[in-house]
Amino acid sequence: MRLSDYDTSKRYQATVCSSKRLTPTDSDDEVKEIALSVTDYTPKRIEACIGVVVPGPHDYGHKTHFRLYTLADVPVQHGNNTQITIVVKRCNNVDPYSGESYRGIASNYLCDLKVNEAITITGPYSIPFAIPDDKSANILMIGMGTGIAPFRAFVKHIYKELGGWEGKVRLFYGARTGLELLYMNKHHDDFSNYYDEETFQAFSSLSIRPHWDEDVALTQALELQEQEVWDLICCHNTYVYVAGHNRINTMLDKAFAEMAGSQDKWYRRKKELQAGQRWMELLY
């Protein structure tokens, strides 16, 4: 769906409960975790995202600006109020031709918010991720950047709310540096809460040259666990979730083609997973 296809007519006022930076102050990337309190607003499932309406006017005559953000935590109910959490990376883009810098409208708006400020949100909207009902199913999560947000909510939901998960739960996450591994660095390591779960394992991969403008070496982590990863891909009850920048698809196609032995074999397997609704993507 395009952003213009979403129904934004039903709107809610949300109040900022907290806004904390996840990346260190000396990092080039600023990523914030923002918790919002909303009245009479309850996502039916953890597999959801919210819409944020940024007041205008904006360029090209737009009165408002609309963007989607996935939930980064399990919603917490407090009476009629629901606390929801999102992760936002401040974006400032440079035009490759003119060299002119453009501020990301929604990301800068959200990152500048202070506690107790009010914003307008819409939704919730479903996302193309669905946790299987079968607790013996395997879950393979692969992400980079803020793509970690829905996976954080998934893992917490699986082990804190559902419990008794029997299938393997594997998380592969890539970043340029260790401190930019959101929720997996020395300051914020939420996933360490689940390392004692027999079925859970998380793997990270860092760029060899973090200050170079090149892709995160996510595939290194996959290659180090190649046998288990490919066994999971071939298993009839494995569900694969991919989140992050859309260039991750090219990286994964190359890595899985090598595991399969050929590009054709991998594409056939990928189509089988997609046909069975066991390959799901949330890309930007």
Protein backbone atom coordinates (compact mmCIF):
# COMPACT_ATOMS: atom_id res chain seq x y z
CA MET A 1 0.00 0.00 0.00
CA ARG A 2 1.01 3.59 -0.59
CA LEU A 3 0.82 6.04 2.31
CA SER A 4 -2.03 7.82 0.53
CA ASP A 5 -4.07 4.60 0.67
CA TYR A 6 -4.26 4.51 4.47
CA ASP A 7 -7.41 5.70 6.22
CA THR A 8 -6.34 8.52 8.56
CA SER A 9 -9.81 9.84 9.36
CA LYS A 10 -9.90 8.39 12.88
CA ARG A 11 -7.33 10.31 14.90
CA TYR A 12 -6.16 10.23 18.49
CA GLN A 13 -4.23 12.59 20.71
CA ALA A 14 -1.15 11.01 22.22
CA THR A 15 1.10 12.38 24.94
CA VAL A 16 4.84 11.79 25.07
CA CYS A 17 5.70 9.79 28.20
CA SER A 18 9.42 9.51 27.50
CA SER A 19 11.95 10.14 24.77
CA LYS A 20 15.41 8.65 25.17
CA ARG A 21 18.34 8.36 22.81
CA LEU A 22 19.40 4.79 22.04
CA THR A 23 22.60 5.64 20.19
CA PRO A 24 25.54 7.35 21.98
CA THR A 25 25.85 11.12 21.70
CA ASP A 26 29.04 10.82 19.66
CA SER A 27 27.38 8.57 17.07
CA ASP A 28 26.61 9.95 13.61
CA ASP A 29 23.15 8.37 13.86
CA GLU A 30 20.58 9.62 16.34
CA VAL A 31 17.93 7.03 17.15
CA LYS A 32 15.31 7.62 19.81
CA GLU A 33 12.85 5.40 21.64
CA ILE A 34 9.63 7.33 22.16
CA ALA A 35 6.84 6.13 24.47
CA LEU A 36 3.35 7.54 23.93
CA SER A 37 0.23 7.40 26.07
CA VAL A 38 -3.07 7.23 24.17
CA THR A 39 -6.65 7.10 25.46
CA ASP A 40 -9.06 4.46 24.10
CA TYR A 41 -6.50 3.20 21.60
CA THR A 42 -5.59 -0.48 21.79
CA PRO A 43 -3.77 -2.39 19.04
CA LYS A 44 -5.46 -5.76 18.67
CA ARG A 45 -2.19 -7.53 17.95
CA ILE A 46 1.49 -6.92 18.51
CA GLU A 47 1.94 -7.07 14.72
CA ALA A 48 0.84 -3.48 14.21
CA CYS A 49 2.05 -0.02 13.35
CA ILE A 50 0.76 3.46 14.06
CA GLY A 51 0.44 6.49 11.85
CA VAL A 52 1.94 9.83 12.89
CA VAL A 53 0.37 13.03 11.53
CA VAL A 54 2.82 15.94 11.41
CA PRO A 55 1.06 19.32 11.30
CA GLY A 56 1.95 21.67 8.44
CA PRO A 57 1.85 23.41 6.16
CA HIS A 58 4.58 21.52 4.31
CA ASP A 59 6.21 21.79 0.91
CA TYR A 60 4.02 21.33 -2.17
CA GLY A 61 0.96 22.60 -0.30
CA HIS A 62 0.51 19.61 2.02
CA LYS A 63 -1.42 20.55 5.16
CA THR A 64 -0.11 17.53 7.06
CA HIS A 65 2.59 14.89 6.66
CA PHE A 66 1.90 11.20 7.37
CA ARG A 67 4.32 8.40 8.25
CA LEU A 68 4.07 4.86 9.68
CA TYR A 69 6.04 3.42 12.60
CA THR A 70 6.00 -0.15 13.89
CA LEU A 71 5.56 -0.91 17.57
CA ALA A 72 8.84 -1.57 19.37
CA ASP A 73 7.32 -3.00 22.53
CA VAL A 74 4.27 -4.78 23.83
CA PRO A 75 1.48 -2.21 24.47
CA VAL A 76 0.89 -1.61 28.18
CA GLN A 77 -2.63 -0.90 29.41
CA HIS A 78 -3.22 1.61 32.23
CA GLY A 79 -6.98 1.92 32.66
CA ASN A 80 -8.29 3.67 29.55
CA ASN A 81 -4.79 4.62 28.48
CA THR A 82 -2.42 2.51 26.41
CA GLN A 83 1.33 3.09 26.33
CA ILE A 84 2.92 2.31 23.00
CA THR A 85 6.57 2.59 21.99
CA ILE A 86 8.18 3.41 18.65
CA VAL A 87 11.80 3.78 17.49
CA VAL A 88 12.72 6.74 15.29
CA LYS A 89 15.94 7.55 13.45
CA ARG A 90 16.52 11.23 12.72
CA CYS A 91 16.88 11.48 8.95
CA ASN A 92 18.63 14.22 7.02
CA ASN A 93 19.05 13.45 3.35
CA VAL A 94 21.40 15.06 0.85
CA ASP A 95 20.35 15.53 -2.77
CA PRO A 96 23.01 13.68 -4.84
CA TYR A 97 22.82 16.29 -7.62
CA SER A 98 22.44 19.65 -5.87
CA GLY A 99 24.15 18.70 -2.61
CA GLU A 100 21.31 20.36 -0.75
CA SER A 101 20.33 18.88 2.61
CA TYR A 102 16.72 17.98 3.40
CA ARG A 103 15.41 17.30 6.89
CA GLY A 104 13.19 14.26 7.26
CA ILE A 105 9.85 15.79 8.23
CA ALA A 106 8.40 13.10 10.51
CA SER A 107 11.68 11.86 12.00
CA ASN A 108 12.89 15.33 13.01
CA TYR A 109 9.46 16.24 14.33
CA LEU A 110 9.37 13.13 16.53
CA CYS A 111 12.99 13.32 17.67
CA ASP A 112 12.48 16.95 18.78
CA LEU A 113 9.44 16.15 20.93
CA LYS A 114 9.64 16.76 24.68
CA VAL A 115 7.94 14.85 27.49
CA ASN A 116 4.25 15.82 27.94
CA GLU A 117 3.96 17.24 24.42
CA ALA A 118 0.91 16.10 22.45
CA ILE A 119 0.87 14.65 18.94
CA THR A 120 -1.77 13.23 16.61
CA ILE A 121 -1.70 9.55 15.65
CA THR A 122 -3.90 7.23 13.62
CA GLY A 123 -4.41 3.50 13.26
CA PRO A 124 -3.48 0.94 14.41
CA TYR A 125 -2.71 -0.70 11.07
CA SER A 126 -1.73 -4.30 10.53
CA ILE A 127 1.73 -5.07 9.16
CA PRO A 128 2.74 -8.02 6.95
CA PHE A 129 4.13 -9.87 9.96
CA ALA A 130 2.11 -12.49 11.78
CA ILE A 131 3.38 -14.66 14.62
CA PRO A 132 2.26 -18.25 13.96
CA ASP A 133 -0.22 -19.82 16.35
CA ASP A 134 1.81 -23.03 16.43
CA LYS A 135 4.36 -22.76 19.26
CA SER A 136 6.48 -25.47 17.64
CA ALA A 137 7.12 -23.23 14.62
CA ASN A 138 10.58 -21.81 14.03
CA ILE A 139 11.02 -18.05 13.74
CA LEU A 140 13.92 -16.53 11.81
CA MET A 141 14.20 -12.73 12.14
CA ILE A 142 16.68 -10.78 10.02
CA GLY A 143 17.05 -7.01 10.28
CA MET A 144 19.20 -3.94 10.24
CA GLY A 145 18.87 -0.41 11.62
CA THR A 146 15.48 0.49 13.08
CA GLY A 147 14.20 -2.79 11.61
CA ILE A 148 14.98 -4.20 15.04
CA ALA A 149 11.86 -2.49 16.46
CA PRO A 150 9.20 -5.09 15.59
CA PHE A 151 11.57 -7.92 16.51
CA ARG A 152 12.05 -6.51 20.00
CA ALA A 153 8.27 -6.52 20.42
CA PHE A 154 8.02 -10.04 18.95
CA VAL A 155 10.59 -11.58 21.30
CA LYS A 156 9.07 -9.94 24.36
CA HIS A 157 5.60 -11.09 23.31
CA ILE A 158 6.72 -14.66 22.60
CA TYR A 159 8.46 -15.20 25.92
CA LYS A 160 6.67 -12.86 28.33
CA GLU A 161 3.08 -13.11 27.11
CA LEU A 162 2.76 -16.38 25.19
CA GLY A 163 5.38 -18.50 26.95
CA GLY A 164 6.22 -22.13 26.31
CA TRP A 165 7.63 -21.56 22.83
CA GLU A 166 9.04 -24.84 21.50
CA GLY A 167 10.38 -23.85 18.06
CA LYS A 168 13.71 -22.15 17.46
CA VAL A 169 13.70 -18.34 17.62
CA ARG A 170 16.72 -16.81 15.90
CA LEU A 171 17.54 -13.13 15.48
CA PHE A 172 20.20 -11.81 13.09
CA TYR A 173 20.90 -8.09 13.29
CA GLY A 174 23.47 -5.88 11.60
CA ALA A 175 24.88 -2.41 12.27
CA ARG A 176 27.98 -0.35 11.48
CA THR A 177 29.30 -0.32 15.07
CA GLY A 178 28.56 -2.09 18.33
CA LEU A 179 26.95 0.97 19.90
CA GLU A 180 24.59 1.25 16.94
CA LEU A 181 23.21 -2.21 17.59
CA LEU A 182 19.94 -0.94 19.03
CA TYR A 183 18.88 -2.88 22.13
CA MET A 184 21.98 -5.07 21.76
CA ASN A 185 24.78 -2.74 22.90
CA LYS A 186 26.45 -2.34 26.29
CA HIS A 187 24.07 0.46 27.31
CA HIS A 188 20.80 -1.08 26.11
CA ASP A 189 20.78 -4.88 25.84
CA ASP A 190 17.12 -5.83 26.12
CA PHE A 191 17.67 -9.15 24.37
CA SER A 192 19.94 -10.33 27.19
CA ASN A 193 16.72 -10.87 29.16
CA TYR A 194 15.96 -13.84 26.92
CA TYR A 195 19.38 -15.45 26.56
CA ASP A 196 18.43 -18.00 29.21
CA GLU A 197 15.53 -19.19 27.06
CA GLU A 198 16.48 -22.53 25.56
CA THR A 199 14.92 -21.73 22.19
CA PHE A 200 16.31 -18.20 21.71
CA GLN A 201 19.59 -17.04 20.21
CA ALA A 202 20.65 -13.66 18.81
CA PHE A 203 23.55 -12.95 16.48
CA SER A 204 24.99 -9.61 15.44
CA SER A 205 27.28 -8.47 12.66
CA LEU A 206 29.30 -5.25 12.47
CA SER A 207 30.82 -3.44 9.53
CA ILE A 208 34.52 -4.12 9.02
CA ARG A 209 34.99 -0.47 8.00
CA PRO A 210 32.35 1.40 10.03
CA HIS A 211 33.35 4.87 8.81
CA TRP A 212 33.06 3.95 5.14
CA ASP A 213 29.84 4.50 3.25
CA GLU A 214 29.08 0.86 2.60
CA ASP A 215 26.42 -1.70 3.51
CA VAL A 216 26.35 -3.31 6.93
CA ALA A 217 27.98 -6.75 6.82
CA LEU A 218 24.82 -8.50 8.01
CA THR A 219 25.45 -11.58 5.91
CA GLN A 220 28.59 -12.40 7.92
CA ALA A 221 26.49 -13.42 10.90
CA LEU A 222 24.32 -15.60 8.67
CA GLU A 223 27.34 -17.25 7.08
CA LEU A 224 28.84 -18.11 10.48
CA GLN A 225 25.64 -20.00 11.28
CA GLU A 226 25.15 -21.23 7.73
CA GLN A 227 24.20 -24.84 8.47
CA GLU A 228 21.54 -24.01 11.04
CA VAL A 229 20.20 -21.09 9.00
CA TRP A 230 19.83 -23.18 5.85
CA ASP A 231 18.26 -26.03 7.81
CA LEU A 232 15.71 -23.54 9.13
CA ILE A 233 15.05 -22.16 5.65
CA CYS A 234 14.37 -25.70 4.39
CA CYS A 235 12.16 -26.65 7.35
CA HIS A 236 8.42 -26.87 6.64
CA ASN A 237 7.42 -24.87 9.72
CA THR A 238 9.90 -22.00 9.67
CA TYR A 239 8.64 -18.42 9.32
CA VAL A 240 11.09 -15.80 8.05
CA TYR A 241 10.75 -12.10 8.87
CA VAL A 242 12.91 -9.45 7.19
CA ALA A 243 12.94 -5.80 8.30
CA GLY A 244 15.03 -2.74 7.49
CA HIS A 245 16.22 -0.85 4.43
CA ASN A 246 15.11 -2.39 1.12
CA ARG A 247 18.72 -3.07 0.09
CA ILE A 248 18.70 -5.91 2.62
CA ASN A 249 16.88 -8.05 0.04
CA THR A 250 19.82 -7.95 -2.37
CA MET A 251 22.20 -8.91 0.43
CA LEU A 252 20.04 -11.83 1.52
CA ASP A 253 19.42 -13.13 -2.00
CA LYS A 254 23.17 -13.34 -2.52
CA ALA A 255 23.82 -15.03 0.84
CA PHE A 256 21.02 -17.58 0.49
CA ALA A 257 21.92 -18.35 -3.13
CA GLU A 258 25.38 -19.33 -1.92
CA MET A 259 23.87 -21.53 0.80
CA ALA A 260 21.53 -23.16 -1.71
CA GLY A 261 24.29 -23.81 -4.21
CA SER A 262 22.76 -21.72 -6.97
CA GLN A 263 20.59 -18.67 -7.54
CA ASP A 264 17.86 -20.75 -9.19
CA LYS A 265 17.59 -23.13 -6.24
CA TRP A 266 17.33 -20.23 -3.83
CA TYR A 267 14.67 -18.40 -5.85
CA ARG A 268 12.59 -21.57 -6.02
CA ARG A 269 12.80 -21.99 -2.25
CA LYS A 270 12.00 -18.32 -1.65
CA LYS A 271 8.91 -18.56 -3.86
CA GLU A 272 7.77 -21.61 -1.87
CA LEU A 273 8.16 -19.67 1.38
CA GLN A 274 6.30 -16.68 -0.05
CA ALA A 275 3.50 -18.88 -1.41
CA GLY A 276 3.06 -20.42 2.03
CA GLN A 277 3.08 -16.98 3.65
CA ARG A 278 6.21 -17.92 5.54
CA TRP A 279 8.48 -15.22 4.07
CA MET A 280 7.42 -11.75 5.23
CA GLU A 281 9.06 -8.38 4.65
CA LEU A 282 8.75 -4.95 6.23
CA LEU A 283 11.09 -2.70 4.25
CA TYR A 284 11.55 1.03 3.76
